Amino acid sequence: MSSHAISMLLVDLAVVLVAARVLGRAAEWVGQPPVVGEIAAGILAGPTVLGAHLSSVAFPMDVRPALTALANIGIALFMFVAGTETDVGRLVRNRGALPVISLATYLVPFGLGSVVALTVLARHQTGSRIGFVLFVGCSLAVTAFPVLARILHDRDMLSTPVGQLSLGCAAVGDVLAWVVLAGIVTSTHGGDGHAWRSALLIPIALGTWWLVRPVLHRVSAVLADGSLAVVAVCGALVWGAATEWAGLHLIFGAFLFGVAFPRAARERVRAAVQPLGVLFMPCFFVVAGLRVDLSATDRAGIAELAVVIAAATIGKLGGAYPSARATGSDKGTARTLAVLMNTRGLTELILLDVGLSAGIIAPQLYSLLVVMALVTTASTAPLLSLLRTGAKATGAAAGRDAAEPRTPPPAIR
């Protein structure tokens, strides 16, 4: 890189960090999770708002590869942390409502998204039709586990039954999404002459679980927090590199290493690794935002966006509410769960980035799906407030009805 490019990179990094922090705080101030403001910051930096010329001046083409590299580091660390938050044993042991609701809240929007891909979005297909349809279905079925956890924490719902149930469903849904995405990406690159690499994924996964996990358990018991953080970061990067080399995206390797990390050390390592994500993840939001270009969106594109948002929302609500009611939840709990499961955000952006990089979706559809993720995530908090207000009003009305003396019905003569 030239000295000018290095200077621009440093300035851009400073601007990115400040913008993400300011807009993230602004989002919190209006009752939204910070990721809403951070996604907005990325879109503001792109051609949609600044225009293609000004955006390329602010973020020159020779600087963007470095930003992308930093963004990939941020994604690897984020997916590692997401892996440490996934309790595979708990998911396997659960025999109650969780499996039913999880499958319903994934399969219903997945099926609806597949139908939309075959009809409304067919003109955006770039490669394999099956891969395209499955990817659109997967993108509508995602629930962002970390964003959901933040919303529940901010509203003191994290330890409530509906909070725990929604987190469990989101965890199952995310695992399903990554498995489906892995299959799509593998099939997409199956004919590039390196299909034999994909065959190594199963040995890598089994070796990580049966061989590396016991070693991590012993190592974590003797290492100090700083050394353990180095092991975690290096492992996330190396495993990410392995799955990237095998024809998948680096997110799968980093996630796998996080899942394999011993539960006893997860809190310690999260406390050390998460602050690093604060520095790297804003680069990802900007890189994602630079790819969003809605400036040429016509009426057909606006109609497609409306259909995508409607399908994503109806799919989640239509999957969560009936399944929650069928497994014993009351109406209020089922409504709250349905709204929570419509949360997307960072997980959705990572999935879309993989799809765009792999050539599964076109840039215009990528832009529409990013906006869908932003809108559905931003709608969660207001809808929760609306449900809470309605519940209070219903409770107050019920209390008044119970307190008021009732006039006996007239006698039947």
Foldseek 3Di string as FASTA:
>chain_A
DDPVLVVLLVVLLVVLLVQLVVQLVVCVVVPAHSLLRLLVSQQCLACQNCNHVRSCVSQPPVNLVVLVVLQLLLLLLVLLLLLLVAAPVVLVPDDALQVQLLCLLLVLLLVLQLVCCVPLVVVFFFDDNVLLSNLSSLLLSAADLVSLCVSCVVVVNCPPPLNVSLNSSNSSSLVVSVVSLQVSQLVLCCPVPLNVLLVCPVVVLVCLQPPVLVVLVVVLVPDDLVVNLVVLSVQSVVQLVSVVVSRAGSSVRSSSNSNSHDSVCSVSNCVVSVVSSSSRNSSVSNSLSNLAHCPPPDPSLVVSLVSSLVSSLCSLLVRQLVSCVVSPDDNLSSNLSSLSRLQAGPSSSVSLVRCVVSRRGDSSVSNSSSVSNSVSSSVSRVVVVVSVVVVVVVVVVVVVVVPDDDDDDDDDD
